[in-house]
Structures are given as structure tokens and as C-alpha cells.
Amino acid sequence: MSYMQLCTKLFLALFGVCTAVEWCVVPAGAAPGGAGGGNAAVAASGAVPAAVVAAIADPARPAEQVADDAARRPAEVLAFAGVAPGYRVADFMSGGAYFTRILSRIVGDRGHVYAFLPEEQLKNCAPEETAGTRGIVGDAHYANVTVLRAPVSRFRAPEPLDLIWTSLNFHDLYDSFMGPANVPQVVVSLARSQPPASCSRNRAICCATPPTTMSSGCSIRPSAVIPIRCC
């Protein structure tokens, strides 16, 4: 069995076990600060890096996305993921670019964000589902963001990545509007962007996905964070 095959089997096994027994699931209501207070509570505790705090406070963020912060808790999940200035990050299935915008500000001029839009999503979902990502193309404020498009199982970044991020998306791979996708092949494509010989940084795939709720059309509501760390 090759390394990639082994990594894929291990990833899927851990994902399934952790989700089933809720070892890796943090219910939204259990986050510090309670509903609506997570960001403020964590930031006040000093647990959130300054770069993350500044990125969330960026005045260029759309008002409707800022309004979602209470539910999505970006301070908590991004502090947990360990993303930092200078990182090369992929936002896998970036959709409305909620996290793409924040990640762009965190990694800064020395880092880069690759916002990935699967061709299946572009073809089968309403345009507004991906308008946020498509709208930042050519925006000088997000000059460190590159939008990538390809079939979902052929994700490939042009350079090794420090973090692959996906939020409220992984379960969509099993839905009809995505094919459904060949999930093992998707995992292999993600793993290839994080070479095992280069683990000097904390590499992770963080999936914020409801473990038991499938999408209705192409829209998801947040209810849990499922962290899966590699290396």
C-alpha cells in the first residue's frame, strides 16, 4: 500500500470515528462565551493571536459577513487552527469568501491564500453561493488571494501549503450537486498539497461541518467544529 493510500484510509477512518463518537466535535453552544459571545470572550482572554484579532476587525469585511461572526466564531476556530502571518493557505470550497477574507489579512503580504471553487459547485449551485469569492478577484485589498477552479477531485495548489481550510463543506462532497464526489480522491488531492517531508509548521485540515446534517440545495448552517490534524 502506498503512502497516499495509507494516508487516505487513515484520514477517512479517523473522520468517521471522530464524528460518530463525537470525540472531535465541539458543539457550538459549548464554545467559550456561549452563543454569540465566543469571539469577544476568547479575544479578551488573550488566547487569540493579534493577527487574527486584527483580521476579524478589518473594516473592509462585508457587513453581512461580520454579522455572522457570532455564529461562526472565527476568532476561536482560527486560533485553534494556528494560522499565522506568512502561511500559505488553501480555502477549499471558499464559497462566499467569509474565511478567505479573514485568512488573507492574517497571512499578510508574506503569505498567500488559494481560494478553491470546484467546477461542480460553479455549475450546479446558484451564482450567489460563490459570488463572494469571485468578487474579490482583482481587488487590491486581497492581492495575496488567488482563486483556483478545477474539478473537486483535482484540487492542486501551485506550492506546498501550511494549512488547508474548509468550513461547512466536507459533507457536501457526498451530495448530488457535487457528483457526488470521489471523496477518497479528494482527500488524496488535499494530502498532496501538504508534503509529509515538510512538517516544520502545524499542518491541519479543519472541517467545520455538521456531522449529521446534509445540505438543502447548497446552503449549510453551522453547528460543530471537527478538527483533524496531520503530522
Protein backbone atom coordinates (compact mmCIF):
# COMPACT_ATOMS: atom_id res chain seq x y z
CA MET A 1 0.00 0.00 0.00
CA SER A 2 1.39 3.40 -0.99
CA TYR A 3 1.83 6.30 1.44
CA MET A 4 -1.02 8.20 -0.20
CA GLN A 5 -3.38 5.23 0.04
CA LEU A 6 -2.48 4.74 3.69
CA CYS A 7 -2.94 8.45 4.46
CA THR A 8 -6.34 8.44 2.74
CA LYS A 9 -7.57 5.37 4.61
CA LEU A 10 -6.36 6.77 7.93
CA PHE A 11 -7.94 10.18 7.26
CA LEU A 12 -11.33 8.69 6.38
CA ALA A 13 -11.22 6.27 9.30
CA LEU A 14 -10.42 9.00 11.81
CA PHE A 15 -13.01 11.33 10.30
CA GLY A 16 -15.72 8.69 10.55
CA VAL A 17 -14.83 7.52 14.05
CA CYS A 18 -14.42 11.01 15.49
CA THR A 19 -17.71 12.15 14.02
CA ALA A 20 -19.59 9.06 15.15
CA VAL A 21 -18.47 9.16 18.78
CA GLU A 22 -18.13 12.96 18.95
CA TRP A 23 -14.53 12.83 20.22
CA CYS A 24 -13.57 15.57 17.78
CA VAL A 25 -16.82 17.52 17.83
CA VAL A 26 -17.24 20.74 19.76
CA PRO A 27 -20.94 21.76 19.80
CA ALA A 28 -21.38 25.42 19.00
CA GLY A 29 -23.15 26.09 22.26
CA ALA A 30 -20.23 24.68 24.25
CA ALA A 31 -17.72 27.21 22.93
CA PRO A 32 -16.30 29.79 25.35
CA GLY A 33 -18.61 32.74 25.81
CA GLY A 34 -21.78 30.90 24.84
CA ALA A 35 -23.95 31.70 21.83
CA GLY A 36 -22.96 34.99 20.27
CA GLY A 37 -20.14 35.74 22.71
CA GLY A 38 -17.33 33.47 21.58
CA ASN A 39 -15.13 35.93 19.72
CA ALA A 40 -15.19 38.57 22.43
CA ALA A 41 -14.59 36.11 25.26
CA VAL A 42 -11.67 34.37 23.58
CA ALA A 43 -10.10 37.63 22.41
CA ALA A 44 -10.38 39.09 25.91
CA SER A 45 -8.64 36.04 27.36
CA GLY A 46 -5.58 36.69 25.20
CA ALA A 47 -5.86 33.26 23.58
CA VAL A 48 -6.30 34.71 20.08
CA PRO A 49 -3.18 35.94 18.24
CA ALA A 50 -3.10 39.64 17.43
CA ALA A 51 -3.05 38.91 13.69
CA VAL A 52 -6.34 37.04 13.97
CA VAL A 53 -7.95 39.79 16.04
CA ALA A 54 -6.84 42.44 13.53
CA ALA A 55 -8.08 40.39 10.57
CA ILE A 56 -11.54 39.97 12.06
CA ALA A 57 -11.67 43.72 12.77
CA ASP A 58 -10.74 44.60 9.16
CA PRO A 59 -13.21 47.33 8.09
CA ALA A 60 -13.19 46.00 4.51
CA ARG A 61 -15.16 42.92 5.54
CA PRO A 62 -18.77 42.97 4.27
CA ALA A 63 -21.29 43.89 6.94
CA GLU A 64 -23.36 40.75 6.33
CA GLN A 65 -20.29 38.59 7.00
CA VAL A 66 -19.40 40.49 10.15
CA ALA A 67 -22.95 39.82 11.33
CA ASP A 68 -22.24 36.08 11.04
CA ASP A 69 -19.27 36.22 13.42
CA ALA A 70 -21.36 35.42 16.49
CA ALA A 71 -22.42 32.11 14.94
CA ARG A 72 -19.23 31.21 13.07
CA ARG A 73 -16.75 32.23 15.82
CA PRO A 74 -13.77 32.97 13.57
CA ALA A 75 -11.52 34.03 16.46
CA GLU A 76 -11.85 30.67 18.16
CA VAL A 77 -11.54 28.37 15.18
CA LEU A 78 -8.68 30.27 13.51
CA ALA A 79 -6.75 30.49 16.77
CA PHE A 80 -7.25 26.73 17.13
CA ALA A 81 -6.03 26.11 13.57
CA GLY A 82 -2.84 28.04 14.28
CA VAL A 83 -2.84 30.05 11.06
CA ALA A 84 -0.19 32.79 11.22
CA PRO A 85 1.46 35.53 9.16
CA GLY A 86 3.45 34.15 6.25
CA TYR A 87 1.37 30.99 5.88
CA ARG A 88 0.37 29.52 2.53
CA VAL A 89 -3.27 28.54 2.96
CA ALA A 90 -5.99 26.98 0.80
CA ASP A 91 -9.62 27.79 1.50
CA PHE A 92 -11.18 24.68 -0.01
CA MET A 93 -14.66 25.40 -1.39
CA SER A 94 -14.40 29.04 -0.34
CA GLY A 95 -17.99 29.96 -1.34
CA GLY A 96 -18.80 33.45 -0.14
CA ALA A 97 -15.17 34.07 0.91
CA TYR A 98 -16.09 34.55 4.57
CA PHE A 99 -12.91 32.86 5.75
CA THR A 100 -10.92 33.75 2.63
CA ARG A 101 -11.08 37.43 3.54
CA ILE A 102 -10.03 36.83 7.13
CA LEU A 103 -7.25 34.43 6.16
CA SER A 104 -5.92 36.96 3.66
CA ARG A 105 -5.47 39.54 6.40
CA ILE A 106 -3.88 37.04 8.80
CA VAL A 107 -1.22 35.67 6.43
CA GLY A 108 -0.38 39.15 5.15
CA ASP A 109 1.95 40.17 2.35
CA ARG A 110 4.41 37.37 3.08
CA GLY A 111 1.72 34.71 2.85
CA HIS A 112 -0.84 33.65 0.28
CA VAL A 113 -4.38 32.29 0.18
CA TYR A 114 -5.69 30.00 -2.56
CA ALA A 115 -9.49 30.15 -2.69
CA PHE A 116 -10.70 26.99 -4.41
CA LEU A 117 -14.03 26.81 -6.24
CA PRO A 118 -14.96 23.35 -7.58
CA GLU A 119 -16.32 23.34 -11.11
CA GLU A 120 -19.22 21.18 -9.91
CA GLN A 121 -20.30 23.87 -7.47
CA LEU A 122 -19.97 26.61 -10.08
CA LYS A 123 -22.10 24.59 -12.49
CA ASN A 124 -24.82 23.35 -10.16
CA CYS A 125 -25.20 25.97 -7.42
CA ALA A 126 -26.78 29.39 -7.60
CA PRO A 127 -24.23 32.09 -8.55
CA GLU A 128 -24.68 33.86 -5.22
CA GLU A 129 -23.18 30.82 -3.46
CA THR A 130 -19.75 31.69 -4.88
CA ALA A 131 -20.19 35.41 -5.56
CA GLY A 132 -18.10 36.38 -2.56
CA THR A 133 -15.05 34.53 -3.82
CA ARG A 134 -15.47 35.60 -7.42
CA GLY A 135 -15.95 39.19 -6.29
CA ILE A 136 -12.50 39.54 -4.73
CA VAL A 137 -10.71 38.77 -8.00
CA GLY A 138 -8.81 41.92 -8.93
CA ASP A 139 -9.48 43.59 -5.56
CA ALA A 140 -6.18 45.16 -4.46
CA HIS A 141 -7.11 44.67 -0.81
CA TYR A 142 -6.90 40.94 -1.44
CA ALA A 143 -3.84 40.91 -3.70
CA ASN A 144 -2.50 37.90 -1.80
CA VAL A 145 -5.51 35.77 -2.80
CA THR A 146 -5.59 33.58 -5.91
CA VAL A 147 -8.87 31.97 -6.96
CA LEU A 148 -8.46 28.44 -8.31
CA ARG A 149 -11.04 26.48 -10.28
CA ALA A 150 -10.96 22.77 -11.12
CA PRO A 151 -12.98 19.58 -10.66
CA VAL A 152 -13.23 18.96 -6.93
CA SER A 153 -11.11 15.79 -7.02
CA ARG A 154 -8.34 17.60 -8.88
CA PHE A 155 -7.53 20.26 -6.33
CA ARG A 156 -3.92 21.31 -6.62
CA ALA A 157 -2.12 24.31 -5.21
CA PRO A 158 0.88 25.75 -7.08
CA GLU A 159 3.08 25.47 -3.97
CA PRO A 160 3.22 23.44 -0.73
CA LEU A 161 0.66 24.59 1.82
CA ASP A 162 0.84 25.20 5.54
CA LEU A 163 -2.89 24.86 6.05
CA ILE A 164 -5.88 23.51 4.13
CA TRP A 165 -9.09 25.00 5.45
CA THR A 166 -12.67 24.04 4.68
CA SER A 167 -15.74 25.20 6.54
CA LEU A 168 -19.24 23.69 6.31
CA ASN A 169 -18.32 21.86 3.13
CA PHE A 170 -16.96 18.35 3.54
CA HIS A 171 -20.35 16.65 3.79
CA ASP A 172 -21.37 18.37 0.53
CA LEU A 173 -18.94 16.11 -1.31
CA TYR A 174 -21.46 13.30 -0.86
CA ASP A 175 -24.38 15.33 -2.19
CA SER A 176 -25.81 15.09 -5.71
CA PHE A 177 -24.86 18.60 -6.79
CA MET A 178 -21.20 17.64 -6.31
CA GLY A 179 -21.48 14.48 -8.39
CA PRO A 180 -21.33 13.04 -5.72
CA ALA A 181 -17.57 13.42 -5.49
CA ASN A 182 -14.98 10.68 -5.30
CA VAL A 183 -14.15 11.51 -1.68
CA PRO A 184 -11.02 9.33 -1.34
CA GLN A 185 -9.60 11.02 -4.42
CA VAL A 186 -10.43 14.43 -2.98
CA VAL A 187 -8.56 13.54 0.19
CA VAL A 188 -5.57 12.37 -1.83
CA SER A 189 -5.52 15.66 -3.73
CA LEU A 190 -5.56 17.57 -0.44
CA ALA A 191 -2.81 15.40 1.07
CA ARG A 192 -0.56 16.00 -1.93
CA SER A 193 -0.60 19.71 -1.16
CA GLN A 194 0.90 19.07 2.27
CA PRO A 195 4.12 17.09 1.70
CA PRO A 196 4.90 14.73 4.62
CA ALA A 197 8.60 15.64 4.43
CA SER A 198 7.85 19.28 5.25
CA CYS A 199 6.17 19.39 8.65
CA SER A 200 8.04 22.28 10.21
CA ARG A 201 4.72 24.05 10.74
CA ASN A 202 1.47 22.86 12.23
CA ARG A 203 -0.35 21.42 9.20
CA ALA A 204 -4.04 20.74 9.52
CA ILE A 205 -7.26 20.22 7.68
CA CYS A 206 -10.03 21.83 9.73
CA CYS A 207 -13.58 20.98 8.79
CA ALA A 208 -16.41 22.91 10.40
CA THR A 209 -19.27 20.66 9.32
CA PRO A 210 -22.47 19.45 10.97
CA PRO A 211 -21.83 15.69 11.38
CA THR A 212 -25.44 14.61 10.84
CA THR A 213 -26.97 17.33 8.68
CA MET A 214 -26.77 17.25 4.89
CA SER A 215 -27.26 20.35 2.83
CA SER A 216 -30.56 21.50 1.43
CA GLY A 217 -29.60 22.69 -2.02
CA CYS A 218 -26.25 24.35 -1.41
CA SER A 219 -26.75 26.09 1.94
CA ILE A 220 -25.48 24.88 5.33
CA ARG A 221 -25.96 26.07 8.88
CA PRO A 222 -23.03 25.80 11.34
CA SER A 223 -23.34 23.53 14.36
CA ALA A 224 -19.94 21.99 15.07
CA VAL A 225 -16.23 22.10 14.53
CA ILE A 226 -14.48 18.87 13.61
CA PRO A 227 -10.68 19.32 13.76
CA ILE A 228 -8.40 16.79 12.03
CA ARG A 229 -4.68 17.40 12.46
CA CYS A 230 -1.92 15.84 10.36
CA CYS A 231 1.81 15.50 11.11
